[in-house]
């Protein structure tokens, strides 16, 4: 009988059956083998006992002894766990160890109880008990059976603890002790789809981790991560908080009633706001939060993606604050992803090329140069302007690849035009913030145009205002100064639409300012735009800066600009951007030939 019991229970353990079900089956088999007894098993955490199995005991009684503190007078099981020895009580009613608990058990008809400790080595991990309906102690056959049951319980509980430890290591973050990304993903895949409670996700991203790492070292950065983990877990509950890796945490919020993610996010931001000492340095933790509610979505992955979109939006526009996802929020992000994908494929397929819009003298209409503009040919053969895939340039890798392609194309075209003796003066090339942040812009420019045998005097680098003063650390400004010292000319594009003002030109000088089309469009009688343009032209001339008017579309605009003292312009009135073949033809026909009329040199 004992051998059959061992085989059945060991098979359940080997199959990985749940611990509670395995021990319950053990109790039922023992009760069937020994009529008149009731079996129960409690686990022991070092101080208290917890009900594991007692299938024939009333649920109320099992609940009453759950979380029982072990002690010398804590019944048979409490005393057995306390002393680590078997305790036989032959008369529950008179035994002092049951004095405080007999009122629970006597009404059930039990008169005696024998409890044996379940041990791993010297450590007690549980108790195995027989309840008797008659006074007396265990018989010899029962002792053999209990010895086998205790051994089986040791194996089962030991395996469960090892499994739980492996799960803890698998699903815990070593640095913070919080549940990790694997556990978060498991909940999304398994538990939340079946939940009937309202729930949502908050994604918390540390804003200043890189700054702390770079300034104080990684020990301080690790301390900051732990501080943020503790504060988020305190505000949101440790069971609901996950470290996804690096500087990102997740919080699952659930409730039987309506959820207020904004309130929970505010609690987290408030908890993070006070300073902390990280590896001896005072640091002010800062974070940005994005959130999404599971309202109509049935797919938790979609909720996670929505929270990602909200976090991305918050980092772009509301850093240090909370943004909750709403329909349509992901449109811009989706548009960017699509643009990055399309441009990446176009680069691989060699469908990115340079087109050229002429820059002319407004008085003679002679071409003095071009602005090189990026164009993409679609698989169907349509040529589209950069405005249609501008979102892709916000990706640093794509922006760098586009600039590299444009530099190579422009260098090749200029070399060809110079070899033909065409009257080319300069070509403007647009640069992005990513080009300045790459760290090797000067070397790239000199190498590409040097290999093409194109003198740098033929190159004008065009920088928009948002790039010109869009970096707080002045990397772009320093690079502009260095480029000009190498003989390259710099034009400030879209002037009047971004950060810059004329006072900035005193500290970060440029060679050319290009007045944005929005001002040219307002050059009508009575509009202040005319006075602004006139003022810009006058001040720029006094600073020795040339002016190009962009977006000229009507003859009256061209005449009025010329009367205000603006010498150069570009726009659809003269020509749209054209391919290299057409550009060469119109340059040959309308290019300003300085060797024939040196008096025109001032227009350059």
Protein backbone atom coordinates (compact mmCIF):
# COMPACT_ATOMS: atom_id res chain seq x y z
CA UNK A 1 0.00 0.00 0.00
CA UNK A 2 2.83 2.40 0.86
CA UNK A 3 4.60 1.53 -2.40
CA UNK A 4 1.48 2.27 -4.41
CA UNK A 5 1.07 5.59 -2.58
CA UNK A 6 4.67 6.54 -3.23
CA UNK A 7 4.42 5.69 -6.92
CA UNK A 8 1.22 7.70 -7.39
CA UNK A 9 2.47 10.81 -5.59
CA UNK A 10 5.97 10.70 -7.13
CA UNK A 11 4.38 10.50 -10.57
CA UNK A 12 2.35 13.64 -9.85
CA UNK A 13 5.49 15.43 -8.63
CA UNK A 14 7.43 14.32 -11.74
CA UNK A 15 4.65 15.62 -14.01
CA UNK A 16 4.76 19.00 -12.31
CA UNK A 17 1.24 18.85 -10.94
CA UNK A 18 0.38 21.78 -8.63
CA UNK A 19 1.64 21.30 -5.08
CA UNK A 20 -1.78 21.77 -3.46
CA UNK A 21 -3.40 19.18 -5.76
CA UNK A 22 -0.57 16.69 -5.16
CA UNK A 23 -0.73 16.95 -1.36
CA UNK A 24 -4.52 16.87 -1.41
CA UNK A 25 -4.36 13.59 -3.32
CA UNK A 26 -1.86 12.31 -0.77
CA UNK A 27 -4.25 13.09 2.08
CA UNK A 28 -7.21 11.45 0.36
CA UNK A 29 -5.25 8.25 -0.37
CA UNK A 30 -4.02 8.06 3.23
CA UNK A 31 -7.54 8.57 4.58
CA UNK A 32 -8.80 5.77 2.33
CA UNK A 33 -6.04 3.47 3.59
CA UNK A 34 -6.58 4.22 7.31
CA UNK A 35 -10.29 4.46 8.19
CA UNK A 36 -11.20 6.85 10.96
CA UNK A 37 -8.42 9.43 10.49
CA UNK A 38 -8.38 12.81 8.81
CA UNK A 39 -5.11 14.04 7.28
CA UNK A 40 -3.89 17.61 6.84
CA UNK A 41 -0.67 19.31 5.73
CA UNK A 42 0.47 22.81 6.67
CA UNK A 43 3.50 24.67 5.32
CA UNK A 44 5.81 26.59 7.66
CA UNK A 45 7.61 29.85 6.78
CA UNK A 46 9.78 29.95 9.87
CA UNK A 47 7.25 31.62 12.13
CA UNK A 48 3.74 30.85 10.92
CA UNK A 49 1.82 27.89 9.53
CA UNK A 50 -0.29 28.04 6.38
CA UNK A 51 -2.92 25.58 5.21
CA UNK A 52 -1.77 23.57 2.19
CA UNK A 53 -4.18 20.62 2.15
CA UNK A 54 -6.94 19.20 4.37
CA UNK A 55 -9.59 17.98 1.95
CA UNK A 56 -11.76 16.38 4.62
CA UNK A 57 -11.55 19.20 7.14
CA UNK A 58 -14.29 21.86 7.15
CA UNK A 59 -13.18 24.97 5.24
CA UNK A 60 -13.90 27.15 8.28
CA UNK A 61 -11.48 25.16 10.40
CA UNK A 62 -8.75 25.24 7.71
CA UNK A 63 -9.19 29.00 7.45
CA UNK A 64 -8.99 29.39 11.24
CA UNK A 65 -5.62 27.61 11.54
CA UNK A 66 -4.19 29.34 8.49
CA UNK A 67 -1.44 31.83 9.44
CA UNK A 68 -1.17 30.24 12.90
CA UNK A 69 1.94 31.31 14.79
CA UNK A 70 4.06 28.33 15.88
CA UNK A 71 4.72 27.89 19.59
CA UNK A 72 4.89 25.35 22.42
CA UNK A 73 1.17 25.79 23.14
CA UNK A 74 -0.07 26.20 19.57
CA UNK A 75 -1.78 22.83 19.19
CA UNK A 76 -0.12 19.72 17.82
CA UNK A 77 1.02 21.27 14.53
CA UNK A 78 2.17 24.56 16.07
CA UNK A 79 4.22 22.73 18.69
CA UNK A 80 5.66 20.26 16.14
CA UNK A 81 6.82 23.12 13.92
CA UNK A 82 8.19 25.02 16.95
CA UNK A 83 10.21 22.12 18.39
CA UNK A 84 10.93 20.28 15.13
CA UNK A 85 9.70 17.04 16.70
CA UNK A 86 6.58 14.90 16.44
CA UNK A 87 3.83 15.83 18.90
CA UNK A 88 1.23 13.26 19.93
CA UNK A 89 -1.83 14.54 21.77
CA UNK A 90 -4.02 11.65 22.92
CA UNK A 91 -6.70 13.87 24.53
CA UNK A 92 -7.26 17.26 22.96
CA UNK A 93 -9.74 18.32 25.65
CA UNK A 94 -7.24 18.08 28.52
CA UNK A 95 -3.89 18.71 26.81
CA UNK A 96 -2.58 22.26 27.57
CA UNK A 97 -1.20 22.57 24.03
CA UNK A 98 -4.77 22.67 22.76
CA UNK A 99 -6.14 24.94 25.47
CA UNK A 100 -6.62 27.90 23.14
CA UNK A 101 -7.82 25.87 20.15
CA UNK A 102 -9.98 23.03 21.45
CA UNK A 103 -13.13 25.04 20.95
CA UNK A 104 -12.42 24.90 17.23
CA UNK A 105 -11.75 21.18 16.94
CA UNK A 106 -13.87 19.42 19.60
CA UNK A 107 -17.20 20.33 17.92
CA UNK A 108 -15.89 18.54 14.83
CA UNK A 109 -15.67 15.28 16.76
CA UNK A 110 -11.89 15.07 16.91
CA UNK A 111 -10.41 13.85 20.20
CA UNK A 112 -6.73 13.25 19.41
CA UNK A 113 -4.11 14.64 17.04
CA UNK A 114 -0.65 13.52 15.99
CA UNK A 115 1.54 15.96 14.07
CA UNK A 116 4.97 15.31 12.54
CA UNK A 117 7.37 17.97 11.26
CA UNK A 118 8.28 18.00 7.58
CA UNK A 119 11.96 18.92 7.29
CA UNK A 120 14.55 19.81 4.72
CA UNK A 121 17.76 19.04 6.57
CA UNK A 122 17.30 20.69 9.96
CA UNK A 123 14.84 23.30 8.74
CA UNK A 124 11.13 22.70 9.33
CA UNK A 125 9.15 23.45 6.17
CA UNK A 126 5.74 22.04 7.19
CA UNK A 127 3.72 19.62 9.31
CA UNK A 128 1.79 16.43 8.53
CA UNK A 129 -1.09 15.63 10.91
CA UNK A 130 -3.58 12.89 11.65
CA UNK A 131 -6.80 13.82 13.47
CA UNK A 132 -8.51 10.95 15.37
CA UNK A 133 -12.12 10.57 16.47
CA UNK A 134 -11.05 8.38 19.40
CA UNK A 135 -8.58 8.95 22.21
CA UNK A 136 -5.20 7.37 21.69
CA UNK A 137 -1.99 7.53 19.70
CA UNK A 138 -0.62 6.17 16.44
CA UNK A 139 -0.25 2.49 15.71
CA UNK A 140 2.91 0.96 14.25
CA UNK A 141 1.51 0.68 10.73
CA UNK A 142 0.45 4.31 10.91
CA UNK A 143 3.98 5.35 11.91
CA UNK A 144 5.38 3.65 8.79
CA UNK A 145 2.74 5.32 6.65
CA UNK A 146 3.34 8.78 8.15
CA UNK A 147 7.09 8.38 7.71
CA UNK A 148 6.51 7.72 3.99
CA UNK A 149 4.04 10.64 3.71
CA UNK A 150 6.42 13.07 5.43
CA UNK A 151 9.15 12.03 3.01
CA UNK A 152 6.82 12.54 0.04
CA UNK A 153 5.78 15.95 1.39
CA UNK A 154 9.44 16.94 1.75
CA UNK A 155 10.09 16.03 -1.88
CA UNK A 156 6.97 17.86 -3.12
CA UNK A 157 7.49 21.04 -1.06
CA UNK A 158 11.21 21.09 -1.83
CA UNK A 159 10.47 20.84 -5.55
CA UNK A 160 7.86 23.60 -5.28
CA UNK A 161 10.31 25.90 -3.51
CA UNK A 162 12.96 25.27 -6.15
CA UNK A 163 10.44 25.94 -8.91
CA UNK A 164 9.37 29.15 -7.18
CA UNK A 165 12.99 30.22 -6.80
CA UNK A 166 13.64 29.58 -10.48
CA UNK A 167 10.53 31.58 -11.34
CA UNK A 168 11.66 34.35 -9.01
CA UNK A 169 15.02 34.49 -10.78
CA UNK A 170 13.35 34.25 -14.19
CA UNK A 171 10.74 36.88 -13.50
CA UNK A 172 12.63 39.27 -11.18
CA UNK A 173 14.92 42.16 -11.96
CA UNK A 174 18.24 41.60 -10.19
CA UNK A 175 18.96 45.29 -9.56
CA UNK A 176 15.61 46.42 -8.15
CA UNK A 177 13.92 43.21 -7.00
CA UNK A 178 10.81 44.15 -8.99
CA UNK A 179 9.17 41.85 -11.49
CA UNK A 180 10.86 42.09 -14.87
CA UNK A 181 9.86 42.37 -18.51
CA UNK A 182 9.30 38.61 -18.83
CA UNK A 183 6.76 38.68 -16.00
CA UNK A 184 5.09 41.77 -17.45
CA UNK A 185 4.79 40.07 -20.85
CA UNK A 186 3.42 36.95 -19.17
CA UNK A 187 0.68 38.92 -17.46
CA UNK A 188 -0.20 40.66 -20.73
CA UNK A 189 -0.42 37.34 -22.55
CA UNK A 190 -2.12 35.17 -19.92
CA UNK A 191 -3.82 37.02 -17.07
CA UNK A 192 -5.07 40.36 -18.35
CA UNK A 193 -7.03 38.98 -21.36
CA UNK A 194 -9.18 37.03 -18.88
CA UNK A 195 -9.55 39.87 -16.39
CA UNK A 196 -13.02 41.32 -15.91
CA UNK A 197 -11.67 44.31 -14.02
CA UNK A 198 -10.95 47.66 -15.62
CA UNK A 199 -7.22 48.02 -16.20
CA UNK A 200 -4.59 50.14 -17.85
CA UNK A 201 -0.84 50.51 -18.29
CA UNK A 202 1.53 53.28 -17.27
CA UNK A 203 5.03 53.39 -18.77
CA UNK A 204 7.52 55.39 -16.71
CA UNK A 205 10.77 56.54 -18.34
CA UNK A 206 13.61 58.11 -16.31
CA UNK A 207 14.55 61.41 -17.96
CA UNK A 208 17.98 62.06 -16.50
CA UNK A 209 19.65 58.62 -16.23
CA UNK A 210 22.14 59.26 -19.04
CA UNK A 211 23.04 62.65 -17.58
CA UNK A 212 23.67 61.09 -14.15
CA UNK A 213 25.72 58.27 -15.69
CA UNK A 214 27.82 60.71 -17.71
CA UNK A 215 28.25 63.22 -14.88
CA UNK A 216 28.61 61.10 -11.73
CA UNK A 217 29.31 57.60 -13.08
CA UNK A 218 27.31 54.40 -13.47
CA UNK A 219 27.26 53.66 -9.73
CA UNK A 220 25.22 56.83 -9.27
CA UNK A 221 23.06 55.86 -12.26
CA UNK A 222 22.37 52.43 -10.75
CA UNK A 223 21.46 54.10 -7.46
CA UNK A 224 19.06 56.41 -9.32
CA UNK A 225 17.37 53.39 -10.93
CA UNK A 226 16.90 51.82 -7.48
CA UNK A 227 15.50 55.07 -6.05
CA UNK A 228 13.00 55.36 -8.89
CA UNK A 229 12.06 51.69 -8.53
CA UNK A 230 11.38 52.07 -4.79
CA UNK A 231 9.35 55.25 -5.22
CA UNK A 232 7.25 53.95 -8.11
CA UNK A 233 6.61 50.69 -6.25
CA UNK A 234 5.58 52.63 -3.13
CA UNK A 235 3.21 54.84 -5.10
CA UNK A 236 1.72 52.12 -7.30
CA UNK A 237 2.29 48.88 -5.35
CA UNK A 238 5.25 46.55 -5.74
CA UNK A 239 3.10 43.74 -7.17
CA UNK A 240 1.94 46.03 -9.95
CA UNK A 241 5.34 47.54 -10.81
CA UNK A 242 7.79 46.11 -13.32
CA UNK A 243 11.23 47.12 -14.50
CA UNK A 244 11.28 46.60 -18.24
CA UNK A 245 15.00 47.32 -18.50
CA UNK A 246 17.34 50.29 -18.65
CA UNK A 247 15.45 53.41 -17.61
CA UNK A 248 11.89 52.16 -18.24
CA UNK A 249 9.31 50.86 -15.79
CA UNK A 250 5.73 49.68 -16.24
CA UNK A 251 2.77 49.81 -13.89
CA UNK A 252 -0.40 47.76 -14.35
CA UNK A 253 -3.36 49.56 -12.77
CA UNK A 254 -6.60 47.67 -12.23
CA UNK A 255 -9.83 48.32 -10.36
CA UNK A 256 -13.37 47.06 -10.14
CA UNK A 257 -14.58 50.61 -10.79
CA UNK A 258 -13.55 53.40 -13.11
CA UNK A 259 -9.80 53.89 -13.32
CA UNK A 260 -8.02 57.20 -13.07
CA UNK A 261 -4.64 56.67 -14.66
CA UNK A 262 -3.90 60.37 -14.49
CA UNK A 263 -4.25 60.37 -10.70
CA UNK A 264 -1.95 57.36 -10.36
CA UNK A 265 0.60 58.96 -12.69
CA UNK A 266 0.43 62.15 -10.59
CA UNK A 267 1.13 60.10 -7.46
CA UNK A 268 4.21 58.62 -9.12
CA UNK A 269 5.52 61.98 -10.36
CA UNK A 270 4.98 63.49 -6.91
CA UNK A 271 6.83 60.58 -5.28
CA UNK A 272 9.76 61.10 -7.64
CA UNK A 273 10.00 64.86 -7.18
CA UNK A 274 12.10 65.05 -4.02
CA UNK A 275 15.92 64.88 -4.24
CA UNK A 276 17.87 61.74 -3.39
CA UNK A 277 21.49 60.90 -2.63
CA UNK A 278 22.86 58.56 -5.27
CA UNK A 279 26.36 57.23 -4.61
CA UNK A 280 27.16 60.38 -2.65
CA UNK A 281 25.67 62.81 -5.17
CA UNK A 282 22.42 64.74 -4.78
CA UNK A 283 20.16 63.88 -7.72
CA UNK A 284 16.65 65.06 -8.53
CA UNK A 285 14.87 62.07 -10.10
CA UNK A 286 12.79 63.00 -13.13
CA UNK A 287 10.50 60.88 -15.28
CA UNK A 288 8.03 61.06 -18.13
CA UNK A 289 4.92 58.85 -18.16
CA UNK A 290 2.67 57.57 -20.92
CA UNK A 291 -0.51 55.62 -20.25
CA UNK A 292 -3.35 53.79 -21.94
CA UNK A 293 -6.67 52.39 -20.72
CA UNK A 294 -8.06 49.03 -21.82
CA UNK A 295 -11.45 50.40 -22.74
CA UNK A 296 -12.60 48.78 -25.97
CA UNK A 297 -9.42 46.97 -26.95
CA UNK A 298 -9.38 43.24 -26.33
CA UNK A 299 -5.74 42.79 -27.23
CA UNK A 300 -3.37 43.70 -24.35
CA UNK A 301 -0.51 44.11 -26.82
CA UNK A 302 -2.46 46.96 -28.41
CA UNK A 303 -2.86 48.62 -25.02
CA UNK A 304 0.88 48.31 -24.48
CA UNK A 305 1.51 49.83 -27.91
CA UNK A 306 -0.88 52.68 -27.11
CA UNK A 307 1.00 53.38 -23.89
CA UNK A 308 4.25 53.34 -25.88
CA UNK A 309 2.82 55.91 -28.29
CA UNK A 310 1.69 58.10 -25.39
CA UNK A 311 5.14 57.87 -23.77
CA UNK A 312 6.83 58.73 -27.04
CA UNK A 313 4.53 61.72 -27.46
CA UNK A 314 5.18 62.83 -23.88
CA UNK A 315 8.95 62.66 -24.36
CA UNK A 316 8.66 64.70 -27.55
CA UNK A 317 6.30 67.39 -26.27
CA UNK A 318 5.68 67.09 -22.50
CA UNK A 319 8.87 65.76 -20.96
CA UNK A 320 8.57 65.38 -17.20
CA UNK A 321 4.78 65.08 -17.36
CA UNK A 322 2.05 62.50 -18.07
CA UNK A 323 0.28 61.96 -21.39
CA UNK A 324 -2.61 59.53 -21.79
CA UNK A 325 -3.31 57.87 -25.10
CA UNK A 326 -6.34 58.94 -27.09
CA UNK A 327 -7.52 57.96 -30.59
CA UNK A 328 -5.41 59.67 -33.21
CA UNK A 329 -2.40 60.24 -30.95
CA UNK A 330 -0.41 57.62 -32.83
CA UNK A 331 -1.05 59.11 -36.26
CA UNK A 332 2.14 61.19 -36.35
CA UNK A 333 4.22 58.30 -35.03
CA UNK A 334 2.73 55.92 -37.56
CA UNK A 335 3.42 58.47 -40.28
CA UNK A 336 7.04 58.69 -39.19
CA UNK A 337 7.50 54.93 -39.13
CA UNK A 338 6.00 54.67 -42.60
CA UNK A 339 8.22 57.48 -43.89
CA UNK A 340 11.36 55.91 -42.39
CA UNK A 341 10.49 52.59 -43.98
CA UNK A 342 9.75 54.11 -47.39
CA UNK A 343 12.91 56.22 -47.44
CA UNK A 344 15.02 53.31 -46.25
CA UNK A 345 13.77 51.17 -49.12
CA UNK A 346 14.25 54.05 -51.58
CA UNK A 347 17.88 54.44 -50.46
CA UNK A 348 18.47 50.73 -50.99
CA UNK A 349 16.83 50.88 -54.42
CA UNK A 350 18.79 54.04 -55.42
CA UNK A 351 15.60 56.08 -55.80
CA UNK A 352 16.86 59.11 -53.88
CA UNK A 353 18.35 61.87 -56.04
CA UNK A 354 19.11 65.59 -56.15
CA UNK A 355 17.04 68.14 -58.02
CA UNK A 356 18.04 71.78 -58.33
CA UNK A 357 16.04 74.98 -57.90
CA UNK A 358 17.73 78.05 -59.44
CA UNK A 359 18.72 81.11 -57.40
CA UNK A 360 18.63 84.22 -59.60
CA UNK A 361 19.51 87.88 -59.62
CA UNK A 362 16.22 89.73 -59.39
CA UNK A 363 17.37 92.53 -61.70
CA UNK A 364 18.83 90.53 -64.61
CA UNK A 365 17.20 87.13 -63.93
CA UNK A 366 20.58 85.45 -64.37
CA UNK A 367 21.21 82.25 -62.45
CA UNK A 368 23.91 82.55 -59.78
CA UNK A 369 23.43 79.16 -58.19
CA UNK A 370 21.09 76.37 -57.13
CA UNK A 371 19.60 74.92 -54.01
CA UNK A 372 19.92 71.13 -54.09
CA UNK A 373 16.64 69.54 -53.01
CA UNK A 374 16.09 65.90 -52.15
CA UNK A 375 13.61 64.01 -54.30
CA UNK A 376 12.35 60.44 -54.07
CA UNK A 377 11.08 58.42 -57.02
CA UNK A 378 8.29 56.06 -56.06
CA UNK A 379 8.18 52.49 -57.44
CA UNK A 380 5.52 53.73 -59.88
CA UNK A 381 7.85 56.43 -61.20
CA UNK A 382 6.31 59.46 -59.48
CA UNK A 383 8.81 62.02 -58.19
CA UNK A 384 7.87 63.40 -54.78
CA UNK A 385 9.34 66.28 -52.81
CA UNK A 386 11.06 65.94 -49.43
CA UNK A 387 8.08 67.55 -47.69
CA UNK A 388 6.16 64.32 -48.25
CA UNK A 389 8.73 62.24 -46.36
CA UNK A 390 10.06 64.90 -43.98
CA UNK A 391 9.10 62.79 -40.95
CA UNK A 392 11.82 60.33 -41.94
CA UNK A 393 14.52 62.95 -41.37
CA UNK A 394 13.69 62.91 -37.65
CA UNK A 395 15.34 59.51 -37.60
CA UNK A 396 19.07 60.21 -37.12
CA UNK A 397 20.22 57.23 -39.19
CA UNK A 398 17.94 58.02 -42.13
CA UNK A 399 18.85 61.72 -41.99
CA UNK A 400 22.56 60.88 -42.15
CA UNK A 401 22.03 58.48 -45.04
CA UNK A 402 20.03 61.05 -46.99
CA UNK A 403 22.71 63.71 -46.51
CA UNK A 404 25.44 61.30 -47.59
CA UNK A 405 23.52 60.43 -50.75
CA UNK A 406 22.88 64.10 -51.53
CA UNK A 407 26.52 65.10 -50.96
CA UNK A 408 27.74 62.42 -53.36
CA UNK A 409 25.18 63.35 -56.02
CA UNK A 410 25.85 67.10 -55.75
CA UNK A 411 29.62 66.63 -55.80
CA UNK A 412 29.33 64.53 -58.97
CA UNK A 413 27.01 67.02 -60.68
CA UNK A 414 29.14 70.06 -59.82
CA UNK A 415 32.23 68.29 -61.11
CA UNK A 416 30.40 67.56 -64.37
CA UNK A 417 29.19 71.15 -64.78
CA UNK A 418 32.60 72.64 -64.03
CA UNK A 419 34.24 70.27 -66.51
CA UNK A 420 31.81 71.53 -69.17
CA UNK A 421 32.71 75.14 -68.39
CA UNK A 422 29.22 76.07 -67.22
CA UNK A 423 28.99 79.33 -65.24
CA UNK A 424 28.21 77.72 -61.88
CA UNK A 425 28.87 79.80 -58.78
CA UNK A 426 27.46 77.74 -55.92
CA UNK A 427 25.05 75.01 -54.85
CA UNK A 428 23.29 75.03 -51.48
CA UNK A 429 22.99 71.75 -49.60
CA UNK A 430 20.60 71.31 -46.67
CA UNK A 431 21.95 69.81 -43.44
CA UNK A 432 19.98 68.26 -40.57
CA UNK A 433 20.66 68.24 -36.83
CA UNK A 434 21.83 64.63 -37.17
CA UNK A 435 24.60 65.74 -39.55
CA UNK A 436 26.01 68.07 -36.92
CA UNK A 437 25.63 65.53 -34.14
CA UNK A 438 27.56 62.86 -36.06
CA UNK A 439 30.89 64.40 -35.10
CA UNK A 440 32.68 64.10 -38.46
CA UNK A 441 30.84 66.61 -40.66
CA UNK A 442 33.89 68.63 -41.66
CA UNK A 443 35.88 65.54 -42.61
CA UNK A 444 32.97 64.14 -44.64
CA UNK A 445 32.50 67.35 -46.58
CA UNK A 446 36.18 67.85 -47.32
CA UNK A 447 36.66 64.22 -48.30
CA UNK A 448 33.63 63.98 -50.61
CA UNK A 449 34.23 67.26 -52.44
CA UNK A 450 37.97 66.77 -52.40
CA UNK A 451 37.67 63.39 -54.09
CA UNK A 452 35.35 64.97 -56.68
CA UNK A 453 37.83 67.84 -57.19
CA UNK A 454 35.17 70.42 -56.32
CA UNK A 455 36.51 73.56 -54.58
CA UNK A 456 34.62 74.35 -51.36
CA UNK A 457 33.90 77.88 -52.65
CA UNK A 458 31.15 76.30 -54.77
CA UNK A 459 29.35 74.92 -51.69
CA UNK A 460 26.86 76.67 -49.44
CA UNK A 461 25.61 74.75 -46.42
CA UNK A 462 21.97 75.54 -45.65
CA UNK A 463 20.79 75.18 -42.05
CA UNK A 464 17.24 75.79 -40.85
CA UNK A 465 16.60 77.93 -37.78
CA UNK A 466 15.41 74.92 -35.77
CA UNK A 467 18.77 73.26 -36.38
CA UNK A 468 20.72 76.53 -36.02
CA UNK A 469 19.67 77.07 -32.39
CA UNK A 470 17.79 73.88 -31.59
CA UNK A 471 20.53 72.33 -29.46
CA UNK A 472 21.07 73.64 -25.96
CA UNK A 473 24.71 72.58 -25.87
CA UNK A 474 25.58 74.74 -28.91
CA UNK A 475 27.17 71.85 -30.82
CA UNK A 476 25.64 73.19 -34.04
CA UNK A 477 26.80 76.76 -33.40
CA UNK A 478 30.38 75.62 -32.75
CA UNK A 479 30.34 73.46 -35.87
CA UNK A 480 29.08 76.36 -38.01
CA UNK A 481 31.99 78.50 -36.84
CA UNK A 482 34.44 75.70 -37.63
CA UNK A 483 32.96 75.14 -41.11
CA UNK A 484 33.20 78.82 -41.98
CA UNK A 485 36.83 78.83 -40.86
CA UNK A 486 37.47 76.13 -43.47
CA UNK A 487 36.13 78.39 -46.25
CA UNK A 488 32.63 76.99 -46.46
CA UNK A 489 29.72 79.42 -46.61
CA UNK A 490 26.65 78.92 -44.44
CA UNK A 491 23.09 80.05 -45.20
CA UNK A 492 20.38 80.33 -42.57
CA UNK A 493 17.29 78.84 -44.21
CA UNK A 494 13.60 79.60 -43.47
CA UNK A 495 14.64 82.71 -41.56
CA UNK A 496 11.89 84.10 -39.34
CA UNK A 497 10.07 80.81 -38.63
CA UNK A 498 12.09 79.32 -35.80
CA UNK A 499 14.36 80.16 -32.90
CA UNK A 500 16.78 82.66 -34.39
CA UNK A 501 16.83 86.42 -34.31
CA UNK A 502 19.22 88.94 -35.82
CA UNK A 503 20.98 89.25 -32.47
CA UNK A 504 22.03 85.60 -32.70
CA UNK A 505 23.93 86.42 -35.86
CA UNK A 506 26.36 88.45 -33.78
CA UNK A 507 27.52 85.34 -31.89
CA UNK A 508 26.94 82.68 -34.57
CA UNK A 509 27.47 84.55 -37.85
CA UNK A 510 26.38 83.17 -41.22
CA UNK A 511 27.00 84.32 -44.77
CA UNK A 512 23.45 84.30 -46.11
CA UNK A 513 19.94 84.51 -44.67
CA UNK A 514 17.04 83.16 -46.69
CA UNK A 515 13.80 84.97 -45.87
CA UNK A 516 11.00 82.42 -45.49
CA UNK A 517 8.18 82.24 -48.02
CA UNK A 518 5.61 83.07 -45.31
CA UNK A 519 6.97 86.65 -45.19
CA UNK A 520 7.09 86.98 -48.98
CA UNK A 521 3.44 85.92 -49.21
CA UNK A 522 2.47 88.82 -46.91
CA UNK A 523 4.11 91.50 -49.02
CA UNK A 524 0.87 93.31 -49.85
CA UNK A 525 -0.11 96.92 -49.16
CA UNK A 526 -0.88 97.53 -45.49
CA UNK A 527 0.59 94.26 -44.22
CA UNK A 528 3.37 94.38 -41.62
CA UNK A 529 5.19 91.63 -43.54
CA UNK A 530 6.49 94.21 -46.01
CA UNK A 531 8.07 96.28 -43.24
CA UNK A 532 9.64 93.19 -41.65
CA UNK A 533 11.19 92.14 -44.96
CA UNK A 534 12.47 95.67 -45.59
CA UNK A 535 13.99 95.78 -42.11
CA UNK A 536 15.64 92.37 -42.49
CA UNK A 537 17.20 93.34 -45.80
CA UNK A 538 18.56 96.61 -44.43
CA UNK A 539 20.02 95.09 -41.25
CA UNK A 540 21.52 92.11 -43.11
CA UNK A 541 23.25 94.40 -45.59
CA UNK A 542 24.78 96.42 -42.75
CA UNK A 543 26.03 93.17 -41.18
CA UNK A 544 27.56 92.12 -44.50
CA UNK A 545 25.12 89.24 -44.90
CA UNK A 546 23.57 88.46 -48.27
CA UNK A 547 19.80 87.95 -48.52
CA UNK A 548 17.87 85.46 -50.64
CA UNK A 549 14.08 85.72 -50.83
CA UNK A 550 12.42 82.31 -50.93
CA UNK A 551 9.10 81.32 -52.45
CA UNK A 552 8.69 84.13 -54.99
CA UNK A 553 5.63 83.25 -57.07
CA UNK A 554 4.51 86.53 -58.70
CA UNK A 555 6.17 89.24 -60.70
CA UNK A 556 4.98 92.02 -58.34
CA UNK A 557 6.72 90.22 -55.47
CA UNK A 558 9.98 90.09 -57.44
CA UNK A 559 9.76 93.76 -58.39
CA UNK A 560 8.93 94.88 -54.87
CA UNK A 561 11.79 92.84 -53.38
CA UNK A 562 14.20 94.32 -55.87
CA UNK A 563 13.02 97.82 -54.98
CA UNK A 564 13.63 97.03 -51.28
CA UNK A 565 17.24 96.16 -52.06
CA UNK A 566 17.01 92.36 -52.20
CA UNK A 567 19.28 91.16 -55.01
CA UNK A 568 18.65 87.38 -55.02
CA UNK A 569 15.59 85.19 -55.04
CA UNK A 570 14.17 81.78 -55.84
CA UNK A 571 10.68 80.44 -56.34
CA UNK A 572 8.14 79.03 -58.75
CA UNK A 573 8.03 82.33 -60.66
CA UNK A 574 11.41 81.41 -62.06
CA UNK A 575 11.56 77.62 -61.87
CA UNK A 576 10.65 74.62 -59.78
CA UNK A 577 13.39 72.18 -58.81
CA UNK A 578 14.59 70.33 -61.92
CA UNK A 579 16.77 67.33 -62.57
CA UNK A 580 20.49 67.64 -63.36
CA UNK A 581 20.01 67.58 -67.12
CA UNK A 582 17.55 70.47 -67.15
CA UNK A 583 19.62 72.32 -64.52
CA UNK A 584 22.69 72.14 -66.77
CA UNK A 585 20.69 73.40 -69.78
CA UNK A 586 19.22 76.43 -68.02
CA UNK A 587 22.56 77.18 -66.37
CA UNK A 588 24.24 77.22 -69.76
CA UNK A 589 21.56 79.52 -71.16
CA UNK A 590 20.91 81.82 -68.19
CA UNK A 591 23.95 81.50 -65.93
CA UNK A 592 25.71 84.69 -64.84
CA UNK A 593 29.09 84.75 -66.59
CA UNK A 594 31.28 86.78 -64.30
CA UNK A 595 34.27 86.80 -66.68
CA UNK A 596 32.12 88.72 -69.18
CA UNK A 597 30.78 91.32 -66.77
CA UNK A 598 32.84 91.68 -63.62
CA UNK A 599 30.69 94.57 -62.46
CA UNK A 600 28.05 92.04 -61.53
CA UNK A 601 30.29 90.35 -58.99
CA UNK A 602 28.55 92.15 -56.17
CA UNK A 603 25.46 90.02 -56.73
CA UNK A 604 27.25 86.83 -55.92
